[in-house]
Amino acid sequence: MNLRPDIREHAGIYLRGLMMGACDIIPGVSGGTIALITGIYERLIAAIGSIDLNLAKDLLRGDTVALRADLEKIDIPFLLVLLAGIGTAFLLVSRVILTLLADYAVETYSFFLGLIVASAIAIFLDIHSHSHATVAFLFIGAGAGYIIGGLGHMAIGHSLPILFFTGMAALCAMILPGISGAYITLVLNQYEFMLAALRALSIPELLAYMVGGIVGLILFAKALKYLLSTYHEVMLASLTGLMLGSARMLVERGSEAGNMLPGGLIFFLAGLIVVGAVEYAKRRYQANTA
């Protein structure tokens, strides 16, 4: 018996959500890249871009006609099914990563370091003009990243406002090329806490993170798109530097758990290979659809 077309479509979207969620929870691999490779990136960006402040205004005014028109612009079934897949992957993978961080910290942080270094290289390869400005912003980004990478030593806590801000920064990273929201969460010293909250289904913490992410997307998505389109080379150089500089935190955490050089080298190389394979698949997809 054949499945109805909409059921088959939703099953495919759910599987894509599973893959995106599994990657989004691993620092260094962008779920957005998986969306691109699997052919739903443009649909995802269009759906997210359809969410704006008019929706909240019409809801507060009680303007049901305008609210219905706003909702019709959003691909709600697609987003709901995709989010269901992402959420399922989050619940499954979070348990595995918490175990790895507890029992195999050197190997896990080495793997993450390989992912980040390879992702930074992939971003840098997209820079076509190595002008004085791009080189300058590469070093500025590296300096900023180095400072941000030291936040793990600061006792900023895990209050709901901190989680809200972390969600804003992490979900905005979804629309930046090669940057993982999980890595932003890790740099801001909220990664393990949020994994534990996810495993325990701690609603206040998860809600603060998610609401922050939604607010961040609504407020900053268009600005980030404008910066990427208008100052493409400079933005990519800044992102490359930011990722390389903030990798300081991964080295420090891994070194605290043990000697990373012999114990984590093979896992560092594995991280490089994983991102290399994903980037190769992405570039093949882009070449075939060009």
C-alpha atoms as a PDB file:
ATOM      1  CA  MET A   1       0.000   0.000   0.000  1.00  0.00           C
ATOM      2  CA  ASN A   2       1.401   3.402  -0.989  1.00  0.00           C
ATOM      3  CA  LEU A   3       1.662   6.153   1.563  1.00  0.00           C
ATOM      4  CA  ARG A   4      -0.125   9.364   0.805  1.00  0.00           C
ATOM      5  CA  PRO A   5       2.205  11.982  -0.743  1.00  0.00           C
ATOM      6  CA  ASP A   6       1.923  14.361   2.232  1.00  0.00           C
ATOM      7  CA  ILE A   7       2.823  11.571   4.680  1.00  0.00           C
ATOM      8  CA  ARG A   8       5.860  10.620   2.593  1.00  0.00           C
ATOM      9  CA  GLU A   9       6.868  14.288   2.426  1.00  0.00           C
ATOM     10  CA  HIS A  10       6.498  14.749   6.180  1.00  0.00           C
ATOM     11  CA  ALA A  11       8.468  11.550   6.851  1.00  0.00           C
ATOM     12  CA  GLY A  12      11.287  12.900   4.670  1.00  0.00           C
ATOM     13  CA  ILE A  13      11.222  16.250   6.478  1.00  0.00           C
ATOM     14  CA  TYR A  14      11.263  14.468   9.853  1.00  0.00           C
ATOM     15  CA  LEU A  15      14.344  12.437   8.835  1.00  0.00           C
ATOM     16  CA  ARG A  16      16.065  15.625   7.708  1.00  0.00           C
ATOM     17  CA  GLY A  17      15.205  17.122  11.100  1.00  0.00           C
ATOM     18  CA  LEU A  18      16.809  14.123  12.804  1.00  0.00           C
ATOM     19  CA  MET A  19      20.013  14.672  10.839  1.00  0.00           C
ATOM     20  CA  MET A  20      19.969  18.425  11.480  1.00  0.00           C
ATOM     21  CA  GLY A  21      19.356  17.937  15.200  1.00  0.00           C
ATOM     22  CA  ALA A  22      22.147  15.386  15.529  1.00  0.00           C
ATOM     23  CA  CYS A  23      24.551  17.839  13.877  1.00  0.00           C
ATOM     24  CA  ASP A  24      23.260  20.952  15.646  1.00  0.00           C
ATOM     25  CA  ILE A  25      23.991  19.452  19.053  1.00  0.00           C
ATOM     26  CA  ILE A  26      27.616  18.741  18.078  1.00  0.00           C
ATOM     27  CA  PRO A  27      29.863  21.838  18.172  1.00  0.00           C
ATOM     28  CA  GLY A  28      31.394  22.496  14.773  1.00  0.00           C
ATOM     29  CA  VAL A  29      28.857  20.894  12.462  1.00  0.00           C
ATOM     30  CA  SER A  30      26.104  23.210  11.257  1.00  0.00           C
ATOM     31  CA  GLY A  31      22.589  21.883  10.891  1.00  0.00           C
ATOM     32  CA  GLY A  32      22.137  24.567   8.241  1.00  0.00           C
ATOM     33  CA  THR A  33      24.731  22.797   6.103  1.00  0.00           C
ATOM     34  CA  ILE A  34      22.762  19.562   6.414  1.00  0.00           C
ATOM     35  CA  ALA A  35      19.613  21.456   5.391  1.00  0.00           C
ATOM     36  CA  LEU A  36      21.464  22.711   2.311  1.00  0.00           C
ATOM     37  CA  ILE A  37      22.757  19.269   1.333  1.00  0.00           C
ATOM     38  CA  THR A  38      19.343  17.647   1.797  1.00  0.00           C
ATOM     39  CA  GLY A  39      17.602  20.326  -0.269  1.00  0.00           C
ATOM     40  CA  ILE A  40      15.456  22.138   2.313  1.00  0.00           C
ATOM     41  CA  TYR A  41      17.689  25.127   3.163  1.00  0.00           C
ATOM     42  CA  GLU A  42      15.854  27.672   1.005  1.00  0.00           C
ATOM     43  CA  ARG A  43      12.480  26.488   2.272  1.00  0.00           C
ATOM     44  CA  LEU A  44      13.730  26.723   5.870  1.00  0.00           C
ATOM     45  CA  ILE A  45      15.120  30.242   5.419  1.00  0.00           C
ATOM     46  CA  ALA A  46      11.910  31.348   3.683  1.00  0.00           C
ATOM     47  CA  ALA A  47       9.798  29.960   6.537  1.00  0.00           C
ATOM     48  CA  ILE A  48      11.959  31.624   9.205  1.00  0.00           C
ATOM     49  CA  GLY A  49      12.055  34.869   7.233  1.00  0.00           C
ATOM     50  CA  SER A  50       8.258  34.947   7.174  1.00  0.00           C
ATOM     51  CA  ILE A  51       8.172  35.290  10.959  1.00  0.00           C
ATOM     52  CA  ASP A  52       8.306  38.967  11.887  1.00  0.00           C
ATOM     53  CA  LEU A  53       7.085  41.435  14.495  1.00  0.00           C
ATOM     54  CA  ASN A  54       3.783  41.969  12.660  1.00  0.00           C
ATOM     55  CA  LEU A  55       2.695  38.550  13.901  1.00  0.00           C
ATOM     56  CA  ALA A  56       3.056  39.634  17.536  1.00  0.00           C
ATOM     57  CA  LYS A  57       1.446  43.014  16.858  1.00  0.00           C
ATOM     58  CA  ASP A  58      -1.615  41.461  15.198  1.00  0.00           C
ATOM     59  CA  LEU A  59      -1.878  38.936  18.041  1.00  0.00           C
ATOM     60  CA  LEU A  60      -1.790  41.677  20.702  1.00  0.00           C
ATOM     61  CA  ARG A  61      -4.340  43.785  18.774  1.00  0.00           C
ATOM     62  CA  GLY A  62      -6.618  40.781  18.360  1.00  0.00           C
ATOM     63  CA  ASP A  63      -6.734  41.343  14.602  1.00  0.00           C
ATOM     64  CA  THR A  64      -7.701  37.808  13.576  1.00  0.00           C
ATOM     65  CA  VAL A  65      -7.887  38.595   9.854  1.00  0.00           C
ATOM     66  CA  ALA A  66      -4.359  40.002   9.727  1.00  0.00           C
ATOM     67  CA  LEU A  67      -3.132  37.262  12.073  1.00  0.00           C
ATOM     68  CA  ARG A  68      -4.521  34.572   9.771  1.00  0.00           C
ATOM     69  CA  ALA A  69      -2.798  36.233   6.813  1.00  0.00           C
ATOM     70  CA  ASP A  70       0.496  36.319   8.741  1.00  0.00           C
ATOM     71  CA  LEU A  71       0.228  32.633   9.640  1.00  0.00           C
ATOM     72  CA  GLU A  72      -0.515  31.657   6.051  1.00  0.00           C
ATOM     73  CA  LYS A  73       2.844  33.126   5.008  1.00  0.00           C
ATOM     74  CA  ILE A  74       4.643  30.761   7.387  1.00  0.00           C
ATOM     75  CA  ASP A  75       5.184  27.145   6.327  1.00  0.00           C
ATOM     76  CA  ILE A  76       3.846  25.875   9.658  1.00  0.00           C
ATOM     77  CA  PRO A  77       3.450  22.125   8.857  1.00  0.00           C
ATOM     78  CA  PHE A  78       6.997  22.051   7.486  1.00  0.00           C
ATOM     79  CA  LEU A  79       8.431  23.833  10.539  1.00  0.00           C
ATOM     80  CA  LEU A  80       6.517  21.670  13.024  1.00  0.00           C
ATOM     81  CA  VAL A  81       7.604  18.374  11.442  1.00  0.00           C
ATOM     82  CA  LEU A  82      11.199  19.568  11.064  1.00  0.00           C
ATOM     83  CA  LEU A  83      11.310  20.764  14.689  1.00  0.00           C
ATOM     84  CA  ALA A  84       9.897  17.408  15.819  1.00  0.00           C
ATOM     85  CA  GLY A  85      12.800  15.644  14.112  1.00  0.00           C
ATOM     86  CA  ILE A  86      15.343  18.096  15.541  1.00  0.00           C
ATOM     87  CA  GLY A  87      13.865  17.741  19.037  1.00  0.00           C
ATOM     88  CA  THR A  88      13.943  13.927  18.850  1.00  0.00           C
ATOM     89  CA  ALA A  89      17.624  14.012  17.860  1.00  0.00           C
ATOM     90  CA  PHE A  90      18.373  16.456  20.677  1.00  0.00           C
ATOM     91  CA  LEU A  91      16.870  14.106  23.258  1.00  0.00           C
ATOM     92  CA  LEU A  92      18.735  11.058  21.936  1.00  0.00           C
ATOM     93  CA  VAL A  93      22.144  12.588  21.229  1.00  0.00           C
ATOM     94  CA  SER A  94      22.312  14.721  24.399  1.00  0.00           C
ATOM     95  CA  ARG A  95      22.529  11.601  26.553  1.00  0.00           C
ATOM     96  CA  VAL A  96      25.374  10.198  24.489  1.00  0.00           C
ATOM     97  CA  ILE A  97      27.419  13.419  24.547  1.00  0.00           C
ATOM     98  CA  LEU A  98      27.035  13.879  28.304  1.00  0.00           C
ATOM     99  CA  THR A  99      28.425  10.367  28.789  1.00  0.00           C
ATOM    100  CA  LEU A 100      31.314  11.059  26.418  1.00  0.00           C
ATOM    101  CA  LEU A 101      32.186  14.341  28.153  1.00  0.00           C
ATOM    102  CA  ALA A 102      32.152  12.606  31.541  1.00  0.00           C
ATOM    103  CA  ASP A 103      34.105   9.477  30.604  1.00  0.00           C
ATOM    104  CA  TYR A 104      36.156  10.473  27.544  1.00  0.00           C
ATOM    105  CA  ALA A 105      36.755  14.218  27.951  1.00  0.00           C
ATOM    106  CA  VAL A 106      40.146  14.364  26.190  1.00  0.00           C
ATOM    107  CA  GLU A 107      38.897  12.427  23.180  1.00  0.00           C
ATOM    108  CA  THR A 108      35.622  14.379  22.973  1.00  0.00           C
ATOM    109  CA  TYR A 109      37.207  17.829  23.232  1.00  0.00           C
ATOM    110  CA  SER A 110      39.874  16.793  20.716  1.00  0.00           C
ATOM    111  CA  PHE A 111      37.136  15.729  18.308  1.00  0.00           C
ATOM    112  CA  PHE A 112      35.316  19.032  18.850  1.00  0.00           C
ATOM    113  CA  LEU A 113      38.596  20.907  18.254  1.00  0.00           C
ATOM    114  CA  GLY A 114      39.039  19.106  14.926  1.00  0.00           C
ATOM    115  CA  LEU A 115      35.490  20.040  13.947  1.00  0.00           C
ATOM    116  CA  ILE A 116      36.049  23.720  14.768  1.00  0.00           C
ATOM    117  CA  VAL A 117      39.429  24.034  13.036  1.00  0.00           C
ATOM    118  CA  ALA A 118      38.082  22.340   9.901  1.00  0.00           C
ATOM    119  CA  SER A 119      34.963  24.538   9.933  1.00  0.00           C
ATOM    120  CA  ALA A 120      37.128  27.669  10.199  1.00  0.00           C
ATOM    121  CA  ILE A 121      39.247  26.503   7.266  1.00  0.00           C
ATOM    122  CA  ALA A 122      36.098  25.822   5.227  1.00  0.00           C
ATOM    123  CA  ILE A 123      34.851  29.371   5.891  1.00  0.00           C
ATOM    124  CA  PHE A 124      38.268  30.824   5.000  1.00  0.00           C
ATOM    125  CA  LEU A 125      38.259  28.963   1.671  1.00  0.00           C
ATOM    126  CA  ASP A 126      35.132  30.880   0.703  1.00  0.00           C
ATOM    127  CA  ILE A 127      37.077  34.166   0.917  1.00  0.00           C
ATOM    128  CA  HIS A 128      38.083  35.075  -2.635  1.00  0.00           C
ATOM    129  CA  SER A 129      39.867  38.372  -1.934  1.00  0.00           C
ATOM    130  CA  HIS A 130      42.610  38.457   0.702  1.00  0.00           C
ATOM    131  CA  SER A 131      42.828  42.224   1.002  1.00  0.00           C
ATOM    132  CA  HIS A 132      44.281  44.197   3.900  1.00  0.00           C
ATOM    133  CA  ALA A 133      40.755  44.562   5.304  1.00  0.00           C
ATOM    134  CA  THR A 134      40.049  40.823   5.334  1.00  0.00           C
ATOM    135  CA  VAL A 135      43.414  40.070   6.959  1.00  0.00           C
ATOM    136  CA  ALA A 136      42.796  42.775   9.558  1.00  0.00           C
ATOM    137  CA  PHE A 137      39.346  41.430  10.410  1.00  0.00           C
ATOM    138  CA  LEU A 138      40.743  37.898  10.547  1.00  0.00           C
ATOM    139  CA  PHE A 139      43.049  39.015  13.381  1.00  0.00           C
ATOM    140  CA  ILE A 140      40.330  41.120  15.012  1.00  0.00           C
ATOM    141  CA  GLY A 141      38.013  38.106  14.970  1.00  0.00           C
ATOM    142  CA  ALA A 142      40.756  35.886  16.399  1.00  0.00           C
ATOM    143  CA  GLY A 143      41.375  38.367  19.215  1.00  0.00           C
ATOM    144  CA  ALA A 144      37.683  38.624  20.021  1.00  0.00           C
ATOM    145  CA  GLY A 145      37.365  34.841  19.882  1.00  0.00           C
ATOM    146  CA  TYR A 146      40.313  34.393  22.230  1.00  0.00           C
ATOM    147  CA  ILE A 147      38.684  36.711  24.762  1.00  0.00           C
ATOM    148  CA  ILE A 148      35.285  35.022  24.382  1.00  0.00           C
ATOM    149  CA  GLY A 149      36.947  31.627  24.707  1.00  0.00           C
ATOM    150  CA  GLY A 150      38.049  32.642  28.203  1.00  0.00           C
ATOM    151  CA  LEU A 151      34.469  33.113  29.383  1.00  0.00           C
ATOM    152  CA  GLY A 152      34.450  29.497  30.515  1.00  0.00           C
ATOM    153  CA  HIS A 153      36.583  30.564  33.471  1.00  0.00           C
ATOM    154  CA  MET A 154      34.044  33.206  34.483  1.00  0.00           C
ATOM    155  CA  ALA A 155      31.294  32.304  36.923  1.00  0.00           C
ATOM    156  CA  ILE A 156      28.470  33.754  34.836  1.00  0.00           C
ATOM    157  CA  GLY A 157      26.095  31.067  36.099  1.00  0.00           C
ATOM    158  CA  HIS A 158      23.104  29.514  34.397  1.00  0.00           C
ATOM    159  CA  SER A 159      20.327  31.957  35.236  1.00  0.00           C
ATOM    160  CA  LEU A 160      17.337  32.275  32.932  1.00  0.00           C
ATOM    161  CA  PRO A 161      18.535  35.658  31.524  1.00  0.00           C
ATOM    162  CA  ILE A 162      21.941  34.110  30.721  1.00  0.00           C
ATOM    163  CA  LEU A 163      20.232  31.182  28.985  1.00  0.00           C
ATOM    164  CA  PHE A 164      17.990  33.625  27.103  1.00  0.00           C
ATOM    165  CA  PHE A 165      21.035  35.523  25.825  1.00  0.00           C
ATOM    166  CA  THR A 166      22.783  32.236  24.954  1.00  0.00           C
ATOM    167  CA  GLY A 167      19.771  31.144  22.933  1.00  0.00           C
ATOM    168  CA  MET A 168      19.772  34.463  21.057  1.00  0.00           C
ATOM    169  CA  ALA A 169      23.422  34.044  20.095  1.00  0.00           C
ATOM    170  CA  ALA A 170      23.247  30.317  19.351  1.00  0.00           C
ATOM    171  CA  LEU A 171      20.214  30.322  17.065  1.00  0.00           C
ATOM    172  CA  CYS A 172      21.482  33.355  15.162  1.00  0.00           C
ATOM    173  CA  ALA A 173      24.533  31.224  14.357  1.00  0.00           C
ATOM    174  CA  MET A 174      22.228  28.980  12.297  1.00  0.00           C
ATOM    175  CA  ILE A 175      22.151  31.512   9.479  1.00  0.00           C
ATOM    176  CA  LEU A 176      25.910  32.116   9.542  1.00  0.00           C
ATOM    177  CA  PRO A 177      27.954  29.889   7.205  1.00  0.00           C
ATOM    178  CA  GLY A 178      29.800  27.084   8.965  1.00  0.00           C
ATOM    179  CA  ILE A 179      29.004  28.138  12.547  1.00  0.00           C
ATOM    180  CA  SER A 180      27.216  25.728  14.861  1.00  0.00           C
ATOM    181  CA  GLY A 181      24.795  26.996  17.492  1.00  0.00           C
ATOM    182  CA  ALA A 182      26.072  24.266  19.804  1.00  0.00           C
ATOM    183  CA  TYR A 183      29.560  25.749  19.587  1.00  0.00           C
ATOM    184  CA  ILE A 184      28.269  29.175  20.631  1.00  0.00           C
ATOM    185  CA  THR A 185      26.541  27.485  23.580  1.00  0.00           C
ATOM    186  CA  LEU A 186      29.798  25.714  24.442  1.00  0.00           C
ATOM    187  CA  VAL A 187      31.891  28.907  24.243  1.00  0.00           C
ATOM    188  CA  LEU A 188      29.415  30.680  26.547  1.00  0.00           C
ATOM    189  CA  ASN A 189      29.869  27.859  29.091  1.00  0.00           C
ATOM    190  CA  GLN A 190      26.255  26.665  28.874  1.00  0.00           C
ATOM    191  CA  TYR A 191      26.703  23.511  26.771  1.00  0.00           C
ATOM    192  CA  GLU A 192      26.834  20.785  29.404  1.00  0.00           C
ATOM    193  CA  PHE A 193      24.211  22.554  31.510  1.00  0.00           C
ATOM    194  CA  MET A 194      21.802  22.715  28.566  1.00  0.00           C
ATOM    195  CA  LEU A 195      22.463  19.061  27.689  1.00  0.00           C
ATOM    196  CA  ALA A 196      21.573  18.111  31.268  1.00  0.00           C
ATOM    197  CA  ALA A 197      18.479  20.338  31.146  1.00  0.00           C
ATOM    198  CA  LEU A 198      17.469  18.677  27.893  1.00  0.00           C
ATOM    199  CA  ARG A 199      17.925  15.198  29.323  1.00  0.00           C
ATOM    200  CA  ALA A 200      15.890  16.121  32.409  1.00  0.00           C
ATOM    201  CA  LEU A 201      13.328  18.058  30.309  1.00  0.00           C
ATOM    202  CA  SER A 202      13.764  21.081  32.584  1.00  0.00           C
ATOM    203  CA  ILE A 203      11.096  23.327  31.078  1.00  0.00           C
ATOM    204  CA  PRO A 204      12.089  26.782  32.488  1.00  0.00           C
ATOM    205  CA  GLU A 205      15.684  26.516  31.253  1.00  0.00           C
ATOM    206  CA  LEU A 206      14.722  25.052  27.878  1.00  0.00           C
ATOM    207  CA  LEU A 207      11.993  27.655  27.406  1.00  0.00           C
ATOM    208  CA  ALA A 208      14.343  30.560  28.230  1.00  0.00           C
ATOM    209  CA  TYR A 209      16.880  29.246  25.696  1.00  0.00           C
ATOM    210  CA  MET A 210      14.286  28.682  22.974  1.00  0.00           C
ATOM    211  CA  VAL A 211      12.509  32.016  23.462  1.00  0.00           C
ATOM    212  CA  GLY A 212      15.874  33.779  23.343  1.00  0.00           C
ATOM    213  CA  GLY A 213      16.620  31.995  20.093  1.00  0.00           C
ATOM    214  CA  ILE A 214      13.312  32.999  18.531  1.00  0.00           C
ATOM    215  CA  VAL A 215      13.779  36.636  19.588  1.00  0.00           C
ATOM    216  CA  GLY A 216      17.319  36.592  18.209  1.00  0.00           C
ATOM    217  CA  LEU A 217      16.185  35.244  14.860  1.00  0.00           C
ATOM    218  CA  ILE A 218      13.407  37.812  14.563  1.00  0.00           C
ATOM    219  CA  LEU A 219      15.611  40.762  15.570  1.00  0.00           C
ATOM    220  CA  PHE A 220      18.918  39.921  13.932  1.00  0.00           C
ATOM    221  CA  ALA A 221      18.282  37.540  11.016  1.00  0.00           C
ATOM    222  CA  LYS A 222      17.756  40.320   8.463  1.00  0.00           C
ATOM    223  CA  ALA A 223      20.726  42.330   9.775  1.00  0.00           C
ATOM    224  CA  LEU A 224      23.036  39.335   9.561  1.00  0.00           C
ATOM    225  CA  LYS A 225      21.841  38.547   6.035  1.00  0.00           C
ATOM    226  CA  TYR A 226      22.502  42.163   5.040  1.00  0.00           C
ATOM    227  CA  LEU A 227      26.018  42.103   6.496  1.00  0.00           C
ATOM    228  CA  LEU A 228      26.820  38.816   4.790  1.00  0.00           C
ATOM    229  CA  SER A 229      25.609  40.060   1.416  1.00  0.00           C
ATOM    230  CA  THR A 230      27.132  43.554   1.666  1.00  0.00           C
ATOM    231  CA  TYR A 231      30.401  42.805   3.485  1.00  0.00           C
ATOM    232  CA  HIS A 232      30.798  39.161   2.528  1.00  0.00           C
ATOM    233  CA  GLU A 233      34.593  38.847   2.584  1.00  0.00           C
ATOM    234  CA  VAL A 234      35.063  40.828   5.794  1.00  0.00           C
ATOM    235  CA  MET A 235      32.324  38.866   7.573  1.00  0.00           C
ATOM    236  CA  LEU A 236      33.845  35.529   6.540  1.00  0.00           C
ATOM    237  CA  ALA A 237      37.288  36.658   7.699  1.00  0.00           C
ATOM    238  CA  SER A 238      35.828  37.733  11.054  1.00  0.00           C
ATOM    239  CA  LEU A 239      34.022  34.410  11.464  1.00  0.00           C
ATOM    240  CA  THR A 240      37.198  32.467  10.632  1.00  0.00           C
ATOM    241  CA  GLY A 241      39.183  34.390  13.225  1.00  0.00           C
ATOM    242  CA  LEU A 242      36.406  34.127  15.796  1.00  0.00           C
ATOM    243  CA  MET A 243      36.287  30.341  15.534  1.00  0.00           C
ATOM    244  CA  LEU A 244      40.068  29.899  15.627  1.00  0.00           C
ATOM    245  CA  GLY A 245      40.491  32.271  18.568  1.00  0.00           C
ATOM    246  CA  SER A 246      37.681  30.786  20.643  1.00  0.00           C
ATOM    247  CA  ALA A 247      39.122  27.272  20.097  1.00  0.00           C
ATOM    248  CA  ARG A 248      41.347  28.241  23.030  1.00  0.00           C
ATOM    249  CA  MET A 249      38.536  27.081  25.302  1.00  0.00           C
ATOM    250  CA  LEU A 250      38.500  23.562  23.774  1.00  0.00           C
ATOM    251  CA  VAL A 251      42.268  23.223  24.182  1.00  0.00           C
ATOM    252  CA  GLU A 252      42.116  24.381  27.798  1.00  0.00           C
ATOM    253  CA  ARG A 253      39.236  22.085  28.742  1.00  0.00           C
ATOM    254  CA  GLY A 254      40.790  19.105  27.034  1.00  0.00           C
ATOM    255  CA  SER A 255      44.147  19.788  28.668  1.00  0.00           C
ATOM    256  CA  GLU A 256      42.503  19.956  32.090  1.00  0.00           C
ATOM    257  CA  ALA A 257      41.202  16.424  31.548  1.00  0.00           C
ATOM    258  CA  GLY A 258      44.514  14.997  30.295  1.00  0.00           C
ATOM    259  CA  ASN A 259      47.214  15.204  27.647  1.00  0.00           C
ATOM    260  CA  MET A 260      45.525  15.999  24.330  1.00  0.00           C
ATOM    261  CA  LEU A 261      48.521  15.517  22.046  1.00  0.00           C
ATOM    262  CA  PRO A 262      48.920  11.743  22.087  1.00  0.00           C
ATOM    263  CA  GLY A 263      45.550  10.823  23.574  1.00  0.00           C
ATOM    264  CA  GLY A 264      43.378  13.032  21.396  1.00  0.00           C
ATOM    265  CA  LEU A 265      45.273  13.287  18.108  1.00  0.00           C
ATOM    266  CA  ILE A 266      43.337  10.601  16.274  1.00  0.00           C
ATOM    267  CA  PHE A 267      40.036  12.134  17.410  1.00  0.00           C
ATOM    268  CA  PHE A 268      41.205  15.586  16.304  1.00  0.00           C
ATOM    269  CA  LEU A 269      41.931  14.128  12.861  1.00  0.00           C
ATOM    270  CA  ALA A 270      38.519  12.434  12.887  1.00  0.00           C
ATOM    271  CA  GLY A 271      36.906  15.835  13.466  1.00  0.00           C
ATOM    272  CA  LEU A 272      38.786  17.256  10.491  1.00  0.00           C
ATOM    273  CA  ILE A 273      37.616  14.366   8.313  1.00  0.00           C
ATOM    274  CA  VAL A 274      33.952  14.683   9.349  1.00  0.00           C
ATOM    275  CA  VAL A 275      33.754  18.375   8.454  1.00  0.00           C
ATOM    276  CA  GLY A 276      35.767  17.740   5.296  1.00  0.00           C
ATOM    277  CA  ALA A 277      33.260  15.106   4.201  1.00  0.00           C
ATOM    278  CA  VAL A 278      30.289  17.382   4.949  1.00  0.00           C
ATOM    279  CA  GLU A 279      31.909  20.296   3.076  1.00  0.00           C
ATOM    280  CA  TYR A 280      32.681  18.046   0.117  1.00  0.00           C
ATOM    281  CA  ALA A 281      29.040  16.920  -0.011  1.00  0.00           C
ATOM    282  CA  LYS A 282      27.877  20.541   0.245  1.00  0.00           C
ATOM    283  CA  ARG A 283      30.118  21.719  -2.573  1.00  0.00           C
ATOM    284  CA  ARG A 284      29.088  18.801  -4.769  1.00  0.00           C
ATOM    285  CA  TYR A 285      25.430  19.674  -4.147  1.00  0.00           C
ATOM    286  CA  GLN A 286      26.027  23.342  -4.954  1.00  0.00           C
ATOM    287  CA  ALA A 287      27.902  22.440  -8.143  1.00  0.00           C
ATOM    288  CA  ASN A 288      25.144  20.101  -9.291  1.00  0.00           C
ATOM    289  CA  THR A 289      22.393  22.677  -8.657  1.00  0.00           C
ATOM    290  CA  ALA A 290      24.258  25.657 -10.098  1.00  0.00           C
END
